[in-house]
């Protein structure tokens, strides 16, 4: 893509070892194709599908990820929480209480000196009753806009309507709003009227022959029997999902949005 623009590569929820393996297979070619200025990945499912560890986060950074975003599972491994405080480029949703470890926004500086803001939020519909993502999101966006007009938002939410509403609410104030959490890629990518790129859900990086990452037989049995089974990841037909957004650095408006679904 043209370097008169800033290119953001976002990798959808990386699920367990299958997700990491397919990420490392395809990320080099994705970088050659798009020459991104930043690579962001949602990593809250990195450890066996639920949670993240310091070792896995290091693997993502080594593979070429610049910023890791999170969601409700970022808290699953208590020992990891201190790393949310110690590392500026591992985020948890900004609308958790201020007393929660870590931060929900960061500023990445490219090799050419361009600043790119990254904001992580979590929805409330069918999820934890944390702070309002609309109000807290606006507060965080205002802070980031003092430093840059290029801002990417990962909204980790269950409800499609809530994600869409957030897209419209932030339209014109950020470069992109991309949803995560459901692990099912949607086909509604667009640029909203005021210049914000939008996609309801970027999908999942991991085993496509699964039930949102879970072994299919186990998932079916959970529905048939009505009680939980020990979590077991699926491992076949691994795919990389994500999105590429091209942004005009002069005004922070998106020029193009393209979904990724490989191979």
C-alpha atoms as a PDB file:
ATOM      1  CA  UNK A   1       0.000   0.000   0.000  1.00  0.00           C
ATOM      2  CA  UNK A   2       1.063   3.603  -0.600  1.00  0.00           C
ATOM      3  CA  UNK A   3       3.283   5.131   2.067  1.00  0.00           C
ATOM      4  CA  UNK A   4       1.453   8.429   1.625  1.00  0.00           C
ATOM      5  CA  UNK A   5      -0.822   6.629   4.022  1.00  0.00           C
ATOM      6  CA  UNK A   6      -0.446   4.914   7.386  1.00  0.00           C
ATOM      7  CA  UNK A   7      -1.280   1.205   7.253  1.00  0.00           C
ATOM      8  CA  UNK A   8      -2.645  -0.649  10.262  1.00  0.00           C
ATOM      9  CA  UNK A   9      -2.629  -4.456  10.264  1.00  0.00           C
ATOM     10  CA  UNK A  10      -4.903  -6.029  12.868  1.00  0.00           C
ATOM     11  CA  UNK A  11      -4.811  -9.757  13.653  1.00  0.00           C
ATOM     12  CA  UNK A  12      -8.051 -11.185  15.046  1.00  0.00           C
ATOM     13  CA  UNK A  13      -8.192 -13.121  18.322  1.00  0.00           C
ATOM     14  CA  UNK A  14      -5.262 -15.549  18.400  1.00  0.00           C
ATOM     15  CA  UNK A  15      -6.533 -18.799  19.917  1.00  0.00           C
ATOM     16  CA  UNK A  16      -3.988 -21.088  21.526  1.00  0.00           C
ATOM     17  CA  UNK A  17      -1.086 -22.861  19.847  1.00  0.00           C
ATOM     18  CA  UNK A  18      -2.932 -23.354  16.526  1.00  0.00           C
ATOM     19  CA  UNK A  19      -3.426 -19.595  16.344  1.00  0.00           C
ATOM     20  CA  UNK A  20       0.207 -18.856  17.083  1.00  0.00           C
ATOM     21  CA  UNK A  21       1.421 -21.376  14.510  1.00  0.00           C
ATOM     22  CA  UNK A  22      -0.744 -20.027  11.695  1.00  0.00           C
ATOM     23  CA  UNK A  23       0.147 -16.459  12.690  1.00  0.00           C
ATOM     24  CA  UNK A  24       3.870 -17.149  12.321  1.00  0.00           C
ATOM     25  CA  UNK A  25       3.227 -18.895   9.001  1.00  0.00           C
ATOM     26  CA  UNK A  26       1.392 -15.990   7.380  1.00  0.00           C
ATOM     27  CA  UNK A  27       2.518 -12.827   9.173  1.00  0.00           C
ATOM     28  CA  UNK A  28       5.767 -12.449   7.160  1.00  0.00           C
ATOM     29  CA  UNK A  29       3.881 -12.560   3.850  1.00  0.00           C
ATOM     30  CA  UNK A  30       1.208 -10.206   5.173  1.00  0.00           C
ATOM     31  CA  UNK A  31       3.908  -7.730   6.124  1.00  0.00           C
ATOM     32  CA  UNK A  32       5.533  -8.008   2.712  1.00  0.00           C
ATOM     33  CA  UNK A  33       2.202  -7.435   0.983  1.00  0.00           C
ATOM     34  CA  UNK A  34       0.883  -4.536   3.053  1.00  0.00           C
ATOM     35  CA  UNK A  35       4.056  -3.037   4.575  1.00  0.00           C
ATOM     36  CA  UNK A  36       2.140  -2.034   7.734  1.00  0.00           C
ATOM     37  CA  UNK A  37       3.271   0.752  10.030  1.00  0.00           C
ATOM     38  CA  UNK A  38       1.876  -1.146  13.008  1.00  0.00           C
ATOM     39  CA  UNK A  39       0.715  -4.699  13.688  1.00  0.00           C
ATOM     40  CA  UNK A  40      -1.900  -5.075  16.431  1.00  0.00           C
ATOM     41  CA  UNK A  41      -3.213  -8.450  17.606  1.00  0.00           C
ATOM     42  CA  UNK A  42      -5.858  -9.476  20.099  1.00  0.00           C
ATOM     43  CA  UNK A  43      -4.079 -11.964  22.356  1.00  0.00           C
ATOM     44  CA  UNK A  44      -6.450 -12.688  25.240  1.00  0.00           C
ATOM     45  CA  UNK A  45      -6.974 -16.297  24.082  1.00  0.00           C
ATOM     46  CA  UNK A  46      -3.306 -17.146  23.631  1.00  0.00           C
ATOM     47  CA  UNK A  47      -2.958 -19.629  26.488  1.00  0.00           C
ATOM     48  CA  UNK A  48      -5.058 -22.718  25.735  1.00  0.00           C
ATOM     49  CA  UNK A  49      -7.849 -20.498  24.480  1.00  0.00           C
ATOM     50  CA  UNK A  50      -8.381 -18.480  27.664  1.00  0.00           C
ATOM     51  CA  UNK A  51      -5.846 -16.008  29.014  1.00  0.00           C
ATOM     52  CA  UNK A  52      -2.322 -14.920  28.215  1.00  0.00           C
ATOM     53  CA  UNK A  53       1.128 -15.541  29.680  1.00  0.00           C
ATOM     54  CA  UNK A  54       4.323 -13.495  29.585  1.00  0.00           C
ATOM     55  CA  UNK A  55       6.052 -16.184  27.503  1.00  0.00           C
ATOM     56  CA  UNK A  56       3.286 -16.235  24.878  1.00  0.00           C
ATOM     57  CA  UNK A  57       3.157 -12.444  24.735  1.00  0.00           C
ATOM     58  CA  UNK A  58       6.914 -12.415  24.071  1.00  0.00           C
ATOM     59  CA  UNK A  59       6.368 -14.876  21.212  1.00  0.00           C
ATOM     60  CA  UNK A  60       3.809 -12.540  19.649  1.00  0.00           C
ATOM     61  CA  UNK A  61       6.186  -9.585  19.896  1.00  0.00           C
ATOM     62  CA  UNK A  62       9.026 -11.652  18.452  1.00  0.00           C
ATOM     63  CA  UNK A  63       6.782 -12.706  15.558  1.00  0.00           C
ATOM     64  CA  UNK A  64       6.234  -9.048  14.672  1.00  0.00           C
ATOM     65  CA  UNK A  65       3.249  -7.841  16.703  1.00  0.00           C
ATOM     66  CA  UNK A  66       3.680  -4.309  18.098  1.00  0.00           C
ATOM     67  CA  UNK A  67       0.632  -4.020  20.366  1.00  0.00           C
ATOM     68  CA  UNK A  68      -1.446  -6.763  22.040  1.00  0.00           C
ATOM     69  CA  UNK A  69      -5.057  -5.992  22.922  1.00  0.00           C
ATOM     70  CA  UNK A  70      -7.220  -7.944  25.334  1.00  0.00           C
ATOM     71  CA  UNK A  71     -10.723  -8.537  26.607  1.00  0.00           C
ATOM     72  CA  UNK A  72     -12.574 -10.393  29.341  1.00  0.00           C
ATOM     73  CA  UNK A  73     -10.130 -13.346  29.305  1.00  0.00           C
ATOM     74  CA  UNK A  74      -7.048 -11.173  29.805  1.00  0.00           C
ATOM     75  CA  UNK A  75      -7.564 -11.687  33.558  1.00  0.00           C
ATOM     76  CA  UNK A  76      -7.795 -15.507  33.504  1.00  0.00           C
ATOM     77  CA  UNK A  77      -4.204 -16.153  34.596  1.00  0.00           C
ATOM     78  CA  UNK A  78      -3.581 -14.140  37.790  1.00  0.00           C
ATOM     79  CA  UNK A  79       0.227 -14.319  37.485  1.00  0.00           C
ATOM     80  CA  UNK A  80       0.013 -12.414  34.207  1.00  0.00           C
ATOM     81  CA  UNK A  81      -1.728  -9.356  35.608  1.00  0.00           C
ATOM     82  CA  UNK A  82       1.476  -7.670  36.744  1.00  0.00           C
ATOM     83  CA  UNK A  83       2.656  -7.661  33.120  1.00  0.00           C
ATOM     84  CA  UNK A  84      -0.358  -5.554  32.203  1.00  0.00           C
ATOM     85  CA  UNK A  85       1.116  -2.892  34.450  1.00  0.00           C
ATOM     86  CA  UNK A  86       4.737  -3.402  33.412  1.00  0.00           C
ATOM     87  CA  UNK A  87       4.313  -3.469  29.625  1.00  0.00           C
ATOM     88  CA  UNK A  88       2.882  -0.421  27.837  1.00  0.00           C
ATOM     89  CA  UNK A  89       2.063  -2.430  24.731  1.00  0.00           C
ATOM     90  CA  UNK A  90      -0.165  -5.107  26.297  1.00  0.00           C
ATOM     91  CA  UNK A  91      -3.624  -3.638  26.827  1.00  0.00           C
ATOM     92  CA  UNK A  92      -6.706  -4.551  28.773  1.00  0.00           C
ATOM     93  CA  UNK A  93     -10.054  -2.847  28.088  1.00  0.00           C
ATOM     94  CA  UNK A  94      -9.914   0.785  29.217  1.00  0.00           C
ATOM     95  CA  UNK A  95     -13.376   0.727  30.782  1.00  0.00           C
ATOM     96  CA  UNK A  96     -12.453  -1.615  33.622  1.00  0.00           C
ATOM     97  CA  UNK A  97     -12.214   0.275  36.932  1.00  0.00           C
ATOM     98  CA  UNK A  98      -9.131   2.429  37.414  1.00  0.00           C
ATOM     99  CA  UNK A  99      -8.017   0.114  40.223  1.00  0.00           C
ATOM    100  CA  UNK A 100      -7.600  -2.780  37.747  1.00  0.00           C
ATOM    101  CA  UNK A 101      -4.019  -3.536  36.670  1.00  0.00           C
ATOM    102  CA  UNK A 102      -2.756  -2.220  33.378  1.00  0.00           C
ATOM    103  CA  UNK A 103      -3.973   0.321  30.865  1.00  0.00           C
ATOM    104  CA  UNK A 104      -6.471   0.478  28.044  1.00  0.00           C
ATOM    105  CA  UNK A 105      -4.671   2.734  25.579  1.00  0.00           C
ATOM    106  CA  UNK A 106      -1.169   3.236  24.245  1.00  0.00           C
ATOM    107  CA  UNK A 107       0.782   5.236  21.697  1.00  0.00           C
ATOM    108  CA  UNK A 108       2.979   3.421  19.185  1.00  0.00           C
ATOM    109  CA  UNK A 109       5.656   5.385  17.356  1.00  0.00           C
ATOM    110  CA  UNK A 110       6.665   4.077  13.938  1.00  0.00           C
ATOM    111  CA  UNK A 111      10.222   3.997  12.599  1.00  0.00           C
ATOM    112  CA  UNK A 112       9.415   7.178  10.670  1.00  0.00           C
ATOM    113  CA  UNK A 113       8.178   8.978  13.771  1.00  0.00           C
ATOM    114  CA  UNK A 114       4.433   8.679  13.166  1.00  0.00           C
ATOM    115  CA  UNK A 115       2.318   8.261  16.316  1.00  0.00           C
ATOM    116  CA  UNK A 116      -0.531   5.717  16.250  1.00  0.00           C
ATOM    117  CA  UNK A 117      -2.961   5.460  19.141  1.00  0.00           C
ATOM    118  CA  UNK A 118      -4.463   2.099  20.100  1.00  0.00           C
ATOM    119  CA  UNK A 119      -7.517   1.881  22.359  1.00  0.00           C
ATOM    120  CA  UNK A 120      -9.043  -1.296  23.810  1.00  0.00           C
ATOM    121  CA  UNK A 121     -12.648  -1.287  25.068  1.00  0.00           C
ATOM    122  CA  UNK A 122     -15.097  -3.955  26.230  1.00  0.00           C
ATOM    123  CA  UNK A 123     -18.842  -4.090  25.711  1.00  0.00           C
ATOM    124  CA  UNK A 124     -21.366  -4.554  28.502  1.00  0.00           C
ATOM    125  CA  UNK A 125     -24.283  -6.295  26.771  1.00  0.00           C
ATOM    126  CA  UNK A 126     -24.260  -9.977  27.869  1.00  0.00           C
ATOM    127  CA  UNK A 127     -20.881  -9.292  29.543  1.00  0.00           C
ATOM    128  CA  UNK A 128     -19.555  -7.858  32.796  1.00  0.00           C
ATOM    129  CA  UNK A 129     -21.266  -4.651  34.025  1.00  0.00           C
ATOM    130  CA  UNK A 130     -18.100  -2.556  33.897  1.00  0.00           C
ATOM    131  CA  UNK A 131     -17.827   1.155  33.067  1.00  0.00           C
ATOM    132  CA  UNK A 132     -19.580   2.534  29.989  1.00  0.00           C
ATOM    133  CA  UNK A 133     -17.485   1.942  26.843  1.00  0.00           C
ATOM    134  CA  UNK A 134     -19.125   4.920  25.133  1.00  0.00           C
ATOM    135  CA  UNK A 135     -18.288   7.483  27.815  1.00  0.00           C
ATOM    136  CA  UNK A 136     -14.921   6.008  28.831  1.00  0.00           C
ATOM    137  CA  UNK A 137     -14.043   5.531  25.186  1.00  0.00           C
ATOM    138  CA  UNK A 138     -14.677   9.210  24.424  1.00  0.00           C
ATOM    139  CA  UNK A 139     -12.508  10.232  27.370  1.00  0.00           C
ATOM    140  CA  UNK A 140      -9.632   8.041  26.195  1.00  0.00           C
ATOM    141  CA  UNK A 141     -10.004   9.192  22.590  1.00  0.00           C
ATOM    142  CA  UNK A 142      -9.800  12.832  23.664  1.00  0.00           C
ATOM    143  CA  UNK A 143      -6.527  12.077  25.467  1.00  0.00           C
ATOM    144  CA  UNK A 144      -5.071  10.265  22.444  1.00  0.00           C
ATOM    145  CA  UNK A 145      -6.124  12.997  20.024  1.00  0.00           C
ATOM    146  CA  UNK A 146      -3.866  15.440  21.856  1.00  0.00           C
ATOM    147  CA  UNK A 147      -0.996  13.258  20.622  1.00  0.00           C
ATOM    148  CA  UNK A 148      -2.217  11.884  17.274  1.00  0.00           C
ATOM    149  CA  UNK A 149      -5.221  11.817  14.952  1.00  0.00           C
ATOM    150  CA  UNK A 150      -4.518   8.190  13.959  1.00  0.00           C
ATOM    151  CA  UNK A 151      -6.409   6.005  16.439  1.00  0.00           C
ATOM    152  CA  UNK A 152      -7.374   2.331  16.150  1.00  0.00           C
ATOM    153  CA  UNK A 153     -10.071   0.945  18.488  1.00  0.00           C
ATOM    154  CA  UNK A 154     -10.511  -2.749  19.354  1.00  0.00           C
ATOM    155  CA  UNK A 155     -13.986  -3.130  20.850  1.00  0.00           C
ATOM    156  CA  UNK A 156     -14.236  -6.520  22.531  1.00  0.00           C
ATOM    157  CA  UNK A 157     -17.957  -7.165  22.763  1.00  0.00           C
ATOM    158  CA  UNK A 158     -20.653  -9.802  22.428  1.00  0.00           C
ATOM    159  CA  UNK A 159     -23.535  -7.843  20.943  1.00  0.00           C
ATOM    160  CA  UNK A 160     -23.462  -6.791  17.308  1.00  0.00           C
ATOM    161  CA  UNK A 161     -25.737  -3.821  18.007  1.00  0.00           C
ATOM    162  CA  UNK A 162     -23.424  -2.485  20.717  1.00  0.00           C
ATOM    163  CA  UNK A 163     -20.414  -2.657  18.408  1.00  0.00           C
ATOM    164  CA  UNK A 164     -22.260  -0.927  15.583  1.00  0.00           C
ATOM    165  CA  UNK A 165     -23.506   1.786  17.936  1.00  0.00           C
ATOM    166  CA  UNK A 166     -19.947   2.384  19.145  1.00  0.00           C
ATOM    167  CA  UNK A 167     -18.781   2.634  15.541  1.00  0.00           C
ATOM    168  CA  UNK A 168     -21.308   5.368  14.823  1.00  0.00           C
ATOM    169  CA  UNK A 169     -20.610   7.110  18.140  1.00  0.00           C
ATOM    170  CA  UNK A 170     -16.864   7.270  17.433  1.00  0.00           C
ATOM    171  CA  UNK A 171     -17.245   8.048  13.714  1.00  0.00           C
ATOM    172  CA  UNK A 172     -15.002  10.966  12.799  1.00  0.00           C
ATOM    173  CA  UNK A 173     -13.017  10.900  16.034  1.00  0.00           C
ATOM    174  CA  UNK A 174     -10.969   7.735  15.343  1.00  0.00           C
ATOM    175  CA  UNK A 175      -9.496   6.064  12.269  1.00  0.00           C
ATOM    176  CA  UNK A 176     -10.995   2.607  12.819  1.00  0.00           C
ATOM    177  CA  UNK A 177     -13.353   0.678  15.081  1.00  0.00           C
ATOM    178  CA  UNK A 178     -12.941  -3.092  14.780  1.00  0.00           C
ATOM    179  CA  UNK A 179     -14.800  -5.654  16.868  1.00  0.00           C
ATOM    180  CA  UNK A 180     -13.418  -8.780  18.519  1.00  0.00           C
ATOM    181  CA  UNK A 181     -14.650 -11.519  20.917  1.00  0.00           C
ATOM    182  CA  UNK A 182     -17.176 -13.563  18.895  1.00  0.00           C
ATOM    183  CA  UNK A 183     -14.438 -15.305  16.809  1.00  0.00           C
ATOM    184  CA  UNK A 184     -16.711 -15.164  13.751  1.00  0.00           C
ATOM    185  CA  UNK A 185     -15.616 -12.784  11.004  1.00  0.00           C
ATOM    186  CA  UNK A 186     -18.362 -10.526   9.709  1.00  0.00           C
ATOM    187  CA  UNK A 187     -18.637  -9.156   6.163  1.00  0.00           C
ATOM    188  CA  UNK A 188     -19.816  -5.619   6.939  1.00  0.00           C
ATOM    189  CA  UNK A 189     -16.570  -3.697   6.516  1.00  0.00           C
ATOM    190  CA  UNK A 190     -17.143  -0.100   5.466  1.00  0.00           C
ATOM    191  CA  UNK A 191     -15.987   3.450   5.970  1.00  0.00           C
ATOM    192  CA  UNK A 192     -18.553   5.443   7.910  1.00  0.00           C
ATOM    193  CA  UNK A 193     -19.610   8.922   6.697  1.00  0.00           C
ATOM    194  CA  UNK A 194     -17.119  10.886   8.812  1.00  0.00           C
ATOM    195  CA  UNK A 195     -14.133   8.727   7.869  1.00  0.00           C
ATOM    196  CA  UNK A 196     -13.946   5.911  10.421  1.00  0.00           C
ATOM    197  CA  UNK A 197     -13.326   2.387   9.107  1.00  0.00           C
ATOM    198  CA  UNK A 198     -15.631  -0.162  10.724  1.00  0.00           C
ATOM    199  CA  UNK A 199     -15.958  -3.963  10.989  1.00  0.00           C
ATOM    200  CA  UNK A 200     -18.254  -5.693  13.499  1.00  0.00           C
ATOM    201  CA  UNK A 201     -15.885  -8.600  14.124  1.00  0.00           C
ATOM    202  CA  UNK A 202     -12.463  -9.390  12.718  1.00  0.00           C
ATOM    203  CA  UNK A 203     -12.873 -13.117  13.407  1.00  0.00           C
ATOM    204  CA  UNK A 204     -10.363 -15.578  14.859  1.00  0.00           C
ATOM    205  CA  UNK A 205      -6.815 -16.710  14.196  1.00  0.00           C
ATOM    206  CA  UNK A 206      -6.790 -20.417  14.941  1.00  0.00           C
ATOM    207  CA  UNK A 207      -8.578 -23.654  14.068  1.00  0.00           C
ATOM    208  CA  UNK A 208     -11.391 -22.968  11.621  1.00  0.00           C
ATOM    209  CA  UNK A 209     -12.821 -26.507  11.962  1.00  0.00           C
ATOM    210  CA  UNK A 210     -14.073 -25.738  15.457  1.00  0.00           C
ATOM    211  CA  UNK A 211     -16.795 -24.054  17.440  1.00  0.00           C
ATOM    212  CA  UNK A 212     -15.136 -20.638  17.908  1.00  0.00           C
ATOM    213  CA  UNK A 213     -11.868 -22.436  18.659  1.00  0.00           C
ATOM    214  CA  UNK A 214     -13.286 -25.300  20.730  1.00  0.00           C
ATOM    215  CA  UNK A 215     -13.071 -28.940  19.645  1.00  0.00           C
ATOM    216  CA  UNK A 216     -16.287 -29.645  17.729  1.00  0.00           C
ATOM    217  CA  UNK A 217     -17.248 -32.923  19.459  1.00  0.00           C
ATOM    218  CA  UNK A 218     -16.709 -31.408  22.872  1.00  0.00           C
ATOM    219  CA  UNK A 219     -18.711 -28.297  21.970  1.00  0.00           C
ATOM    220  CA  UNK A 220     -21.637 -30.332  20.637  1.00  0.00           C
ATOM    221  CA  UNK A 221     -21.648 -32.480  23.783  1.00  0.00           C
ATOM    222  CA  UNK A 222     -21.761 -29.392  25.967  1.00  0.00           C
ATOM    223  CA  UNK A 223     -24.943 -28.313  24.209  1.00  0.00           C
ATOM    224  CA  UNK A 224     -26.480 -31.812  24.210  1.00  0.00           C
ATOM    225  CA  UNK A 225     -25.719 -32.601  27.868  1.00  0.00           C
ATOM    226  CA  UNK A 226     -26.215 -29.146  29.286  1.00  0.00           C
ATOM    227  CA  UNK A 227     -23.190 -29.186  31.555  1.00  0.00           C
ATOM    228  CA  UNK A 228     -19.589 -28.016  31.053  1.00  0.00           C
ATOM    229  CA  UNK A 229     -16.774 -30.189  29.759  1.00  0.00           C
ATOM    230  CA  UNK A 230     -13.040 -29.621  30.156  1.00  0.00           C
ATOM    231  CA  UNK A 231     -11.964 -27.057  27.554  1.00  0.00           C
ATOM    232  CA  UNK A 232     -10.079 -28.554  24.611  1.00  0.00           C
ATOM    233  CA  UNK A 233      -8.847 -26.612  21.593  1.00  0.00           C
ATOM    234  CA  UNK A 234      -9.505 -27.706  18.035  1.00  0.00           C
ATOM    235  CA  UNK A 235      -6.406 -28.063  15.867  1.00  0.00           C
ATOM    236  CA  UNK A 236      -7.418 -28.415  12.192  1.00  0.00           C
ATOM    237  CA  UNK A 237      -7.811 -26.046   9.250  1.00  0.00           C
ATOM    238  CA  UNK A 238      -5.955 -23.183  10.894  1.00  0.00           C
ATOM    239  CA  UNK A 239      -6.632 -19.723   9.454  1.00  0.00           C
ATOM    240  CA  UNK A 240      -5.568 -16.131   9.998  1.00  0.00           C
ATOM    241  CA  UNK A 241      -8.376 -13.600  10.247  1.00  0.00           C
ATOM    242  CA  UNK A 242      -7.895  -9.885  10.521  1.00  0.00           C
ATOM    243  CA  UNK A 243      -8.177  -6.551   8.799  1.00  0.00           C
ATOM    244  CA  UNK A 244      -5.996  -3.942   7.113  1.00  0.00           C
ATOM    245  CA  UNK A 245      -6.883  -0.260   7.359  1.00  0.00           C
ATOM    246  CA  UNK A 246      -5.258   2.463   5.268  1.00  0.00           C
ATOM    247  CA  UNK A 247      -5.334   5.907   6.921  1.00  0.00           C
ATOM    248  CA  UNK A 248      -4.633   9.437   5.699  1.00  0.00           C
ATOM    249  CA  UNK A 249      -2.104  10.763   8.259  1.00  0.00           C
ATOM    250  CA  UNK A 250      -3.105  14.382   7.553  1.00  0.00           C
ATOM    251  CA  UNK A 251      -6.593  13.982   9.043  1.00  0.00           C
ATOM    252  CA  UNK A 252      -6.707  10.483  10.541  1.00  0.00           C
ATOM    253  CA  UNK A 253      -9.530   9.386   8.257  1.00  0.00           C
ATOM    254  CA  UNK A 254      -9.624   5.891   6.801  1.00  0.00           C
ATOM    255  CA  UNK A 255      -9.219   5.542   3.075  1.00  0.00           C
ATOM    256  CA  UNK A 256      -9.602   1.791   2.732  1.00  0.00           C
ATOM    257  CA  UNK A 257     -10.516  -1.253   4.834  1.00  0.00           C
ATOM    258  CA  UNK A 258      -9.847  -4.835   3.754  1.00  0.00           C
ATOM    259  CA  UNK A 259     -10.654  -8.091   5.540  1.00  0.00           C
ATOM    260  CA  UNK A 260      -8.078 -10.884   5.831  1.00  0.00           C
ATOM    261  CA  UNK A 261      -9.028 -14.565   5.776  1.00  0.00           C
ATOM    262  CA  UNK A 262      -6.071 -16.852   4.983  1.00  0.00           C
ATOM    263  CA  UNK A 263      -5.356 -19.318   3.524  1.00  0.00           C
END
